[in-house]
Amino acid sequence: VNAGVNSATNYAGYTVDFANNSSVAAVHTISGTVNGTYALSSQLDVLLKLNFSGNAAFNLLNNNWKVSIFSATSITLQSTTNAATTLVLKQI
């Protein structure tokens, strides 16, 4: 969600897999795979930095994200540069 605009349909059908080697892959059975990297850091907040390449929709996710809410089934991330932008990842 960016400034109240939900763009989830851009990512429908993708499964995002985070590997232990700091790589991340967004996999879609028809559209293929978008690869990237991630980094975690923690000072006062837990931060997640995403870096995808080769896909314009996923390039929009390239950001530093603060973990704002988490549960056993989902994580809500808030942009560190624009508080109106949030990203929700749900476990399937």
C-alpha atoms as a PDB file:
ATOM      1  CA  VAL A   1       0.000   0.000   0.000  1.00  0.00           C
ATOM      2  CA  ASN A   2       1.453   3.331  -1.054  1.00  0.00           C
ATOM      3  CA  ALA A   3      -0.426   6.434   0.067  1.00  0.00           C
ATOM      4  CA  GLY A   4      -3.641   4.419   0.287  1.00  0.00           C
ATOM      5  CA  VAL A   5      -3.249   2.720  -3.113  1.00  0.00           C
ATOM      6  CA  ASN A   6      -3.214  -1.081  -2.864  1.00  0.00           C
ATOM      7  CA  SER A   7      -0.991  -2.549  -5.594  1.00  0.00           C
ATOM      8  CA  ALA A   8      -1.204  -6.172  -4.422  1.00  0.00           C
ATOM      9  CA  THR A   9      -2.554  -7.335  -7.783  1.00  0.00           C
ATOM     10  CA  ASN A  10       0.897  -6.617  -9.289  1.00  0.00           C
ATOM     11  CA  TYR A  11       2.231  -9.460  -7.145  1.00  0.00           C
ATOM     12  CA  ALA A  12      -0.699 -11.916  -7.270  1.00  0.00           C
ATOM     13  CA  GLY A  13       0.372 -15.495  -7.764  1.00  0.00           C
ATOM     14  CA  TYR A  14       3.961 -14.946  -6.599  1.00  0.00           C
ATOM     15  CA  THR A  15       5.563 -16.886  -3.784  1.00  0.00           C
ATOM     16  CA  VAL A  16       8.492 -15.126  -2.127  1.00  0.00           C
ATOM     17  CA  ASP A  17      11.206 -17.403  -0.761  1.00  0.00           C
ATOM     18  CA  PHE A  18      13.950 -16.099   1.521  1.00  0.00           C
ATOM     19  CA  ALA A  19      17.043 -18.337   1.584  1.00  0.00           C
ATOM     20  CA  ASN A  20      19.695 -18.521   4.306  1.00  0.00           C
ATOM     21  CA  ASN A  21      22.357 -17.183   1.898  1.00  0.00           C
ATOM     22  CA  SER A  22      20.677 -13.721   1.736  1.00  0.00           C
ATOM     23  CA  SER A  23      19.025 -14.427  -1.611  1.00  0.00           C
ATOM     24  CA  VAL A  24      15.331 -13.955  -2.243  1.00  0.00           C
ATOM     25  CA  ALA A  25      13.267 -15.298  -5.133  1.00  0.00           C
ATOM     26  CA  ALA A  26       9.762 -14.308  -6.162  1.00  0.00           C
ATOM     27  CA  VAL A  27       8.405 -17.299  -8.083  1.00  0.00           C
ATOM     28  CA  HIS A  28       5.344 -17.338 -10.342  1.00  0.00           C
ATOM     29  CA  THR A  29       4.390 -20.521 -12.227  1.00  0.00           C
ATOM     30  CA  ILE A  30       3.602 -18.570 -15.425  1.00  0.00           C
ATOM     31  CA  SER A  31       5.657 -15.368 -15.215  1.00  0.00           C
ATOM     32  CA  GLY A  32       8.840 -17.038 -13.979  1.00  0.00           C
ATOM     33  CA  THR A  33      11.250 -16.034 -11.235  1.00  0.00           C
ATOM     34  CA  VAL A  34      12.473 -12.631 -10.088  1.00  0.00           C
ATOM     35  CA  ASN A  35      15.716 -12.919  -8.122  1.00  0.00           C
ATOM     36  CA  GLY A  36      17.138 -10.572  -5.569  1.00  0.00           C
ATOM     37  CA  THR A  37      18.959 -10.230  -2.299  1.00  0.00           C
ATOM     38  CA  TYR A  38      18.015  -9.197   1.198  1.00  0.00           C
ATOM     39  CA  ALA A  39      19.787  -8.044   4.323  1.00  0.00           C
ATOM     40  CA  LEU A  40      18.566  -7.879   7.902  1.00  0.00           C
ATOM     41  CA  SER A  41      19.785  -5.481  10.550  1.00  0.00           C
ATOM     42  CA  SER A  42      18.679  -4.560  14.015  1.00  0.00           C
ATOM     43  CA  GLN A  43      19.420  -1.602  16.206  1.00  0.00           C
ATOM     44  CA  LEU A  44      16.285  -0.250  17.808  1.00  0.00           C
ATOM     45  CA  ASP A  45      14.070  -1.735  15.069  1.00  0.00           C
ATOM     46  CA  VAL A  46      14.356  -4.793  12.842  1.00  0.00           C
ATOM     47  CA  LEU A  47      15.106  -3.620   9.299  1.00  0.00           C
ATOM     48  CA  LEU A  48      14.850  -5.571   6.049  1.00  0.00           C
ATOM     49  CA  LYS A  49      16.561  -4.309   2.903  1.00  0.00           C
ATOM     50  CA  LEU A  50      15.251  -5.778  -0.365  1.00  0.00           C
ATOM     51  CA  ASN A  51      16.994  -5.579  -3.729  1.00  0.00           C
ATOM     52  CA  PHE A  52      15.297  -7.180  -6.758  1.00  0.00           C
ATOM     53  CA  SER A  53      16.484  -6.850 -10.352  1.00  0.00           C
ATOM     54  CA  GLY A  54      15.050  -7.530 -13.783  1.00  0.00           C
ATOM     55  CA  ASN A  55      11.375  -6.782 -13.091  1.00  0.00           C
ATOM     56  CA  ALA A  56       9.891  -3.271 -12.876  1.00  0.00           C
ATOM     57  CA  ALA A  57       7.115  -4.246 -10.443  1.00  0.00           C
ATOM     58  CA  PHE A  58       9.585  -5.823  -8.027  1.00  0.00           C
ATOM     59  CA  ASN A  59      12.055  -2.957  -8.393  1.00  0.00           C
ATOM     60  CA  LEU A  60       9.416  -0.892  -6.582  1.00  0.00           C
ATOM     61  CA  LEU A  61      10.036  -3.101  -3.525  1.00  0.00           C
ATOM     62  CA  ASN A  62      13.733  -2.193  -3.453  1.00  0.00           C
ATOM     63  CA  ASN A  63      13.767  -0.309  -0.203  1.00  0.00           C
ATOM     64  CA  ASN A  64      14.723  -0.411   3.436  1.00  0.00           C
ATOM     65  CA  TRP A  65      11.735  -1.692   5.387  1.00  0.00           C
ATOM     66  CA  LYS A  66      11.041  -1.574   9.122  1.00  0.00           C
ATOM     67  CA  VAL A  67       9.212  -4.561  10.594  1.00  0.00           C
ATOM     68  CA  SER A  68       6.181  -2.886  12.141  1.00  0.00           C
ATOM     69  CA  ILE A  69       3.915  -5.893  12.895  1.00  0.00           C
ATOM     70  CA  PHE A  70       4.605  -9.608  12.820  1.00  0.00           C
ATOM     71  CA  SER A  71       2.809 -12.814  13.690  1.00  0.00           C
ATOM     72  CA  ALA A  72       3.178 -16.494  12.906  1.00  0.00           C
ATOM     73  CA  THR A  73       1.430 -15.953   9.549  1.00  0.00           C
ATOM     74  CA  SER A  74       2.347 -12.468   8.331  1.00  0.00           C
ATOM     75  CA  ILE A  75       4.839  -9.620   8.493  1.00  0.00           C
ATOM     76  CA  THR A  76       3.936  -5.981   7.919  1.00  0.00           C
ATOM     77  CA  LEU A  77       6.791  -3.798   6.738  1.00  0.00           C
ATOM     78  CA  GLN A  78       6.844  -0.005   6.632  1.00  0.00           C
ATOM     79  CA  SER A  79       9.110   1.968   4.315  1.00  0.00           C
ATOM     80  CA  THR A  80      11.860   3.828   6.155  1.00  0.00           C
ATOM     81  CA  THR A  81      11.708   6.618   3.553  1.00  0.00           C
ATOM     82  CA  ASN A  82       7.910   6.984   3.208  1.00  0.00           C
ATOM     83  CA  ALA A  83       5.755   6.057   6.198  1.00  0.00           C
ATOM     84  CA  ALA A  84       2.681   5.901   3.928  1.00  0.00           C
ATOM     85  CA  THR A  85       4.136   2.876   2.123  1.00  0.00           C
ATOM     86  CA  THR A  86       3.601  -0.575   3.643  1.00  0.00           C
ATOM     87  CA  LEU A  87       4.287  -4.094   2.447  1.00  0.00           C
ATOM     88  CA  VAL A  88       2.518  -7.144   3.899  1.00  0.00           C
ATOM     89  CA  LEU A  89       3.962 -10.629   3.422  1.00  0.00           C
ATOM     90  CA  LYS A  90       1.659 -13.540   4.296  1.00  0.00           C
ATOM     91  CA  GLN A  91       2.680 -17.134   4.860  1.00  0.00           C
ATOM     92  CA  ILE A  92       1.004 -19.680   2.610  1.00  0.00           C
END
